């Protein structure tokens, strides 16, 4: 999606400028709160997203949390009974992001 590409491109440029002595403090963490790739069951969308964030993830620790587009699917134990994940039910998310669990 163009908006996503624009956002990550701008974030990478701002990160490079901050590390090069540009304006502002350099960020120390990339935090992404849900709705990670909007893949909806289409695997190449995950690959495209991972490639897209690579310049950021190479320089910052990454912490993510699943959103409805990573988890929710009717009759899968989700809370809302909607078809947001395209049937992925969090599997691609869990394989790509090993986040701390309680």
N, C-alpha and C. Protein backbone atom coordinates (compact mmCIF):
# COMPACT_ATOMS: atom_id res chain seq x y z
N UNK A 1 0.84 -1.17 0.00
CA UNK A 1 0.00 0.00 0.00
C UNK A 1 0.88 1.24 0.00
N UNK A 2 0.51 2.21 -0.79
CA UNK A 2 1.32 3.41 -0.92
C UNK A 2 1.49 4.15 0.41
N UNK A 3 0.44 4.25 1.19
CA UNK A 3 0.55 4.95 2.48
C UNK A 3 1.57 4.27 3.39
N UNK A 4 1.57 2.94 3.40
CA UNK A 4 2.52 2.19 4.21
C UNK A 4 3.95 2.40 3.71
N UNK A 5 4.13 2.36 2.40
CA UNK A 5 5.46 2.60 1.83
C UNK A 5 5.96 4.00 2.17
N UNK A 6 5.08 4.98 2.06
CA UNK A 6 5.46 6.36 2.38
C UNK A 6 5.85 6.48 3.85
N UNK A 7 5.12 5.84 4.72
CA UNK A 7 5.40 5.92 6.15
C UNK A 7 6.75 5.31 6.49
N UNK A 8 6.99 4.09 6.02
CA UNK A 8 8.26 3.44 6.35
C UNK A 8 9.44 4.13 5.67
N UNK A 9 9.26 4.65 4.48
CA UNK A 9 10.34 5.40 3.82
C UNK A 9 10.70 6.65 4.61
N UNK A 10 9.69 7.35 5.08
CA UNK A 10 9.93 8.56 5.85
C UNK A 10 10.57 8.23 7.20
N UNK A 11 10.12 7.15 7.83
CA UNK A 11 10.72 6.73 9.10
C UNK A 11 12.20 6.39 8.91
N UNK A 12 12.52 5.68 7.83
CA UNK A 12 13.92 5.32 7.56
C UNK A 12 14.76 6.57 7.32
N UNK A 13 14.22 7.54 6.60
CA UNK A 13 14.95 8.78 6.34
C UNK A 13 15.17 9.56 7.64
N UNK A 14 14.16 9.62 8.49
CA UNK A 14 14.29 10.32 9.77
C UNK A 14 15.28 9.61 10.69
N UNK A 15 15.29 8.29 10.67
CA UNK A 15 16.24 7.52 11.47
C UNK A 15 17.67 7.78 11.00
N UNK A 16 17.88 7.77 9.69
CA UNK A 16 19.20 8.04 9.14
C UNK A 16 19.66 9.45 9.48
N UNK A 17 18.76 10.42 9.40
CA UNK A 17 19.11 11.81 9.71
C UNK A 17 19.46 11.96 11.19
N UNK A 18 18.70 11.31 12.06
CA UNK A 18 18.96 11.41 13.50
C UNK A 18 20.30 10.80 13.85
N UNK A 19 20.65 9.68 13.23
CA UNK A 19 21.93 9.03 13.50
C UNK A 19 23.08 9.79 12.86
N UNK A 20 22.78 10.59 11.85
CA UNK A 20 23.81 11.38 11.19
C UNK A 20 23.97 12.76 11.80
N UNK A 21 23.38 13.00 12.95
CA UNK A 21 23.50 14.29 13.60
C UNK A 21 22.43 15.27 13.19
N UNK A 22 21.38 14.78 12.54
CA UNK A 22 20.30 15.66 12.13
C UNK A 22 19.44 16.10 13.31
N UNK A 23 18.38 16.78 13.01
CA UNK A 23 17.49 17.33 14.03
C UNK A 23 16.79 16.21 14.80
N UNK A 24 16.72 16.36 16.10
CA UNK A 24 15.97 15.43 16.94
C UNK A 24 16.81 14.28 17.45
N UNK A 25 16.28 13.63 18.48
CA UNK A 25 16.94 12.48 19.07
C UNK A 25 16.67 11.24 18.23
N UNK A 26 17.64 10.37 18.15
CA UNK A 26 17.47 9.12 17.41
C UNK A 26 16.54 8.19 18.18
N UNK A 27 15.58 7.58 17.52
CA UNK A 27 14.70 6.62 18.20
C UNK A 27 15.50 5.40 18.65
N UNK A 28 15.00 4.74 19.67
CA UNK A 28 15.70 3.56 20.19
C UNK A 28 14.86 2.28 20.11
N UNK A 29 13.63 2.38 19.58
CA UNK A 29 12.74 1.22 19.51
C UNK A 29 11.70 1.45 18.42
N UNK A 30 11.41 0.41 17.68
CA UNK A 30 10.30 0.44 16.71
C UNK A 30 9.15 -0.35 17.33
N UNK A 31 8.07 0.33 17.63
CA UNK A 31 6.90 -0.27 18.27
C UNK A 31 5.74 -0.24 17.29
N UNK A 32 5.18 -1.41 16.99
CA UNK A 32 4.07 -1.51 16.03
C UNK A 32 2.91 -2.20 16.73
N UNK A 33 1.85 -1.44 16.99
CA UNK A 33 0.69 -1.95 17.74
C UNK A 33 -0.40 -2.48 16.82
N UNK A 34 -0.25 -3.70 16.38
CA UNK A 34 -1.30 -4.39 15.65
C UNK A 34 -1.48 -3.99 14.20
N UNK A 35 -2.26 -4.82 13.50
CA UNK A 35 -2.50 -4.67 12.07
C UNK A 35 -1.17 -4.50 11.34
N UNK A 36 -0.36 -5.54 11.43
CA UNK A 36 1.02 -5.50 10.97
C UNK A 36 1.12 -5.45 9.45
N UNK A 37 0.54 -6.40 8.74
CA UNK A 37 0.74 -6.43 7.29
C UNK A 37 -0.53 -6.34 6.45
N UNK A 38 -1.68 -6.55 7.04
CA UNK A 38 -2.95 -6.63 6.29
C UNK A 38 -2.88 -7.70 5.19
N UNK A 39 -2.17 -8.77 5.44
CA UNK A 39 -2.00 -9.81 4.42
C UNK A 39 -3.30 -10.55 4.13
N UNK A 40 -4.14 -10.75 5.13
CA UNK A 40 -5.43 -11.42 4.98
C UNK A 40 -5.34 -12.75 4.23
N UNK A 41 -4.34 -13.56 4.59
CA UNK A 41 -4.22 -14.89 4.00
C UNK A 41 -3.34 -14.96 2.77
N UNK A 42 -2.74 -13.86 2.37
CA UNK A 42 -1.90 -13.82 1.17
C UNK A 42 -0.44 -13.71 1.60
N UNK A 43 0.27 -14.82 1.59
CA UNK A 43 1.64 -14.90 2.10
C UNK A 43 2.62 -13.88 1.55
N UNK A 44 2.61 -13.62 0.23
CA UNK A 44 3.57 -12.64 -0.29
C UNK A 44 3.43 -11.24 0.32
N UNK A 45 2.26 -10.91 0.84
CA UNK A 45 2.11 -9.61 1.51
C UNK A 45 2.98 -9.54 2.76
N UNK A 46 3.11 -10.66 3.47
CA UNK A 46 4.01 -10.69 4.62
C UNK A 46 5.45 -10.49 4.18
N UNK A 47 5.84 -11.17 3.11
CA UNK A 47 7.21 -11.01 2.60
C UNK A 47 7.48 -9.57 2.19
N UNK A 48 6.53 -8.96 1.51
CA UNK A 48 6.69 -7.57 1.09
C UNK A 48 6.82 -6.65 2.29
N UNK A 49 6.01 -6.88 3.32
CA UNK A 49 6.08 -6.04 4.50
C UNK A 49 7.42 -6.20 5.21
N UNK A 50 7.89 -7.43 5.34
CA UNK A 50 9.17 -7.67 6.01
C UNK A 50 10.31 -6.98 5.26
N UNK A 51 10.27 -7.04 3.95
CA UNK A 51 11.27 -6.35 3.13
C UNK A 51 11.17 -4.83 3.34
N UNK A 52 9.96 -4.36 3.44
CA UNK A 52 9.70 -2.92 3.59
C UNK A 52 10.26 -2.38 4.92
N UNK A 53 10.16 -3.15 6.00
CA UNK A 53 10.63 -2.66 7.30
C UNK A 53 12.09 -3.02 7.57
N UNK A 54 12.72 -3.77 6.68
CA UNK A 54 14.10 -4.21 6.91
C UNK A 54 15.07 -3.08 7.22
N UNK A 55 15.02 -1.93 6.52
CA UNK A 55 15.96 -0.85 6.86
C UNK A 55 15.77 -0.32 8.29
N UNK A 56 14.57 -0.38 8.81
CA UNK A 56 14.31 0.05 10.18
C UNK A 56 14.71 -1.04 11.17
N UNK A 57 14.30 -2.27 10.89
CA UNK A 57 14.56 -3.38 11.81
C UNK A 57 16.05 -3.71 11.89
N UNK A 58 16.82 -3.34 10.89
CA UNK A 58 18.27 -3.57 10.93
C UNK A 58 18.96 -2.63 11.91
N UNK A 59 18.31 -1.53 12.27
CA UNK A 59 18.93 -0.52 13.13
C UNK A 59 18.27 -0.36 14.48
N UNK A 60 17.07 -0.92 14.64
CA UNK A 60 16.31 -0.75 15.88
C UNK A 60 15.74 -2.07 16.34
N UNK A 61 15.63 -2.28 17.66
CA UNK A 61 14.85 -3.43 18.12
C UNK A 61 13.38 -3.20 17.76
N UNK A 62 12.70 -4.29 17.47
CA UNK A 62 11.30 -4.21 17.03
C UNK A 62 10.42 -4.93 18.05
N UNK A 63 9.34 -4.28 18.44
CA UNK A 63 8.35 -4.89 19.33
C UNK A 63 6.99 -4.73 18.66
N UNK A 64 6.27 -5.82 18.51
CA UNK A 64 4.97 -5.76 17.86
C UNK A 64 3.92 -6.41 18.76
N UNK A 65 2.67 -6.08 18.49
CA UNK A 65 1.53 -6.70 19.15
C UNK A 65 0.53 -7.04 18.06
N UNK A 66 -0.13 -8.20 18.14
CA UNK A 66 -1.08 -8.56 17.09
C UNK A 66 -2.33 -7.69 17.14
N UNK A 67 -2.87 -7.41 15.98
CA UNK A 67 -4.14 -6.71 15.86
C UNK A 67 -5.19 -7.65 15.30
N UNK A 68 -6.35 -7.12 15.02
CA UNK A 68 -7.43 -7.95 14.49
C UNK A 68 -7.07 -8.57 13.14
N UNK A 69 -6.24 -7.90 12.34
CA UNK A 69 -5.88 -8.45 11.03
C UNK A 69 -4.84 -9.56 11.11
N UNK A 70 -4.26 -9.76 12.27
CA UNK A 70 -3.36 -10.89 12.48
C UNK A 70 -4.08 -12.07 13.12
N UNK A 71 -5.13 -11.84 13.86
CA UNK A 71 -5.71 -12.88 14.70
C UNK A 71 -7.15 -13.27 14.38
N UNK A 72 -8.02 -12.32 14.16
CA UNK A 72 -9.46 -12.59 14.19
C UNK A 72 -9.96 -13.39 12.99
N UNK A 73 -10.65 -14.46 13.31
CA UNK A 73 -11.33 -15.31 12.34
C UNK A 73 -12.44 -16.02 13.07
N UNK A 74 -13.60 -16.03 12.48
CA UNK A 74 -14.78 -16.63 13.14
C UNK A 74 -14.50 -18.07 13.56
N UNK A 75 -14.98 -18.45 14.74
CA UNK A 75 -14.88 -19.80 15.29
C UNK A 75 -13.44 -20.26 15.54
N UNK A 76 -12.52 -19.31 15.72
CA UNK A 76 -11.13 -19.67 16.00
C UNK A 76 -10.73 -19.33 17.43
N UNK A 77 -11.68 -18.87 18.22
CA UNK A 77 -11.39 -18.46 19.58
C UNK A 77 -11.17 -16.97 19.71
N UNK A 78 -11.34 -16.23 18.61
CA UNK A 78 -11.20 -14.77 18.70
C UNK A 78 -12.40 -14.20 19.46
N UNK A 79 -12.28 -12.96 19.86
CA UNK A 79 -13.33 -12.36 20.68
C UNK A 79 -14.50 -11.80 19.89
N UNK A 80 -14.31 -11.53 18.59
CA UNK A 80 -15.31 -10.77 17.86
C UNK A 80 -16.03 -11.55 16.76
N UNK A 81 -15.52 -12.72 16.36
CA UNK A 81 -16.20 -13.53 15.35
C UNK A 81 -16.21 -12.90 13.97
N UNK A 82 -15.14 -12.21 13.61
CA UNK A 82 -15.04 -11.58 12.30
C UNK A 82 -13.96 -12.26 11.47
N UNK A 83 -13.94 -11.97 10.19
CA UNK A 83 -13.02 -12.63 9.26
C UNK A 83 -11.84 -11.74 8.86
N UNK A 84 -11.28 -10.98 9.80
CA UNK A 84 -10.25 -10.00 9.47
C UNK A 84 -8.92 -10.61 9.03
N UNK A 85 -8.55 -11.78 9.53
CA UNK A 85 -7.21 -12.30 9.27
C UNK A 85 -7.10 -13.08 7.96
N UNK A 86 -8.18 -13.25 7.24
CA UNK A 86 -8.11 -14.06 6.03
C UNK A 86 -7.85 -15.53 6.32
N UNK A 87 -8.10 -15.95 7.56
CA UNK A 87 -7.89 -17.33 7.96
C UNK A 87 -6.51 -17.61 8.51
N UNK A 88 -5.64 -16.59 8.57
CA UNK A 88 -4.28 -16.79 9.08
C UNK A 88 -4.26 -17.09 10.57
N UNK A 89 -5.17 -16.48 11.31
CA UNK A 89 -5.34 -16.72 12.75
C UNK A 89 -4.05 -16.54 13.55
N UNK A 90 -3.19 -15.64 13.12
CA UNK A 90 -1.97 -15.34 13.86
C UNK A 90 -0.77 -16.19 13.53
N UNK A 91 -0.93 -17.21 12.68
CA UNK A 91 0.19 -18.12 12.40
C UNK A 91 1.36 -17.40 11.72
N UNK A 92 1.17 -16.67 10.62
CA UNK A 92 2.32 -15.98 10.01
C UNK A 92 2.94 -14.94 10.94
N UNK A 93 2.10 -14.26 11.70
CA UNK A 93 2.59 -13.27 12.67
C UNK A 93 3.50 -13.94 13.70
N UNK A 94 3.04 -15.02 14.30
CA UNK A 94 3.81 -15.72 15.34
C UNK A 94 5.13 -16.27 14.79
N UNK A 95 5.14 -16.70 13.54
CA UNK A 95 6.37 -17.24 12.95
C UNK A 95 7.39 -16.16 12.63
N UNK A 96 6.92 -14.95 12.35
CA UNK A 96 7.83 -13.87 11.99
C UNK A 96 8.28 -13.03 13.17
N UNK A 97 7.47 -12.96 14.21
CA UNK A 97 7.77 -12.10 15.36
C UNK A 97 7.70 -12.90 16.65
N UNK A 98 8.84 -13.28 17.16
CA UNK A 98 8.89 -14.02 18.42
C UNK A 98 8.93 -13.02 19.57
N UNK A 99 7.76 -12.59 20.01
CA UNK A 99 7.64 -11.60 21.07
C UNK A 99 7.55 -12.30 22.42
N UNK A 100 7.90 -11.58 23.49
CA UNK A 100 7.76 -12.18 24.83
C UNK A 100 6.30 -12.52 25.13
N UNK A 101 6.11 -13.63 25.79
CA UNK A 101 4.77 -14.07 26.20
C UNK A 101 4.77 -14.24 27.72
N UNK A 102 3.60 -14.08 28.33
CA UNK A 102 3.56 -14.28 29.81
C UNK A 102 3.89 -15.71 30.19
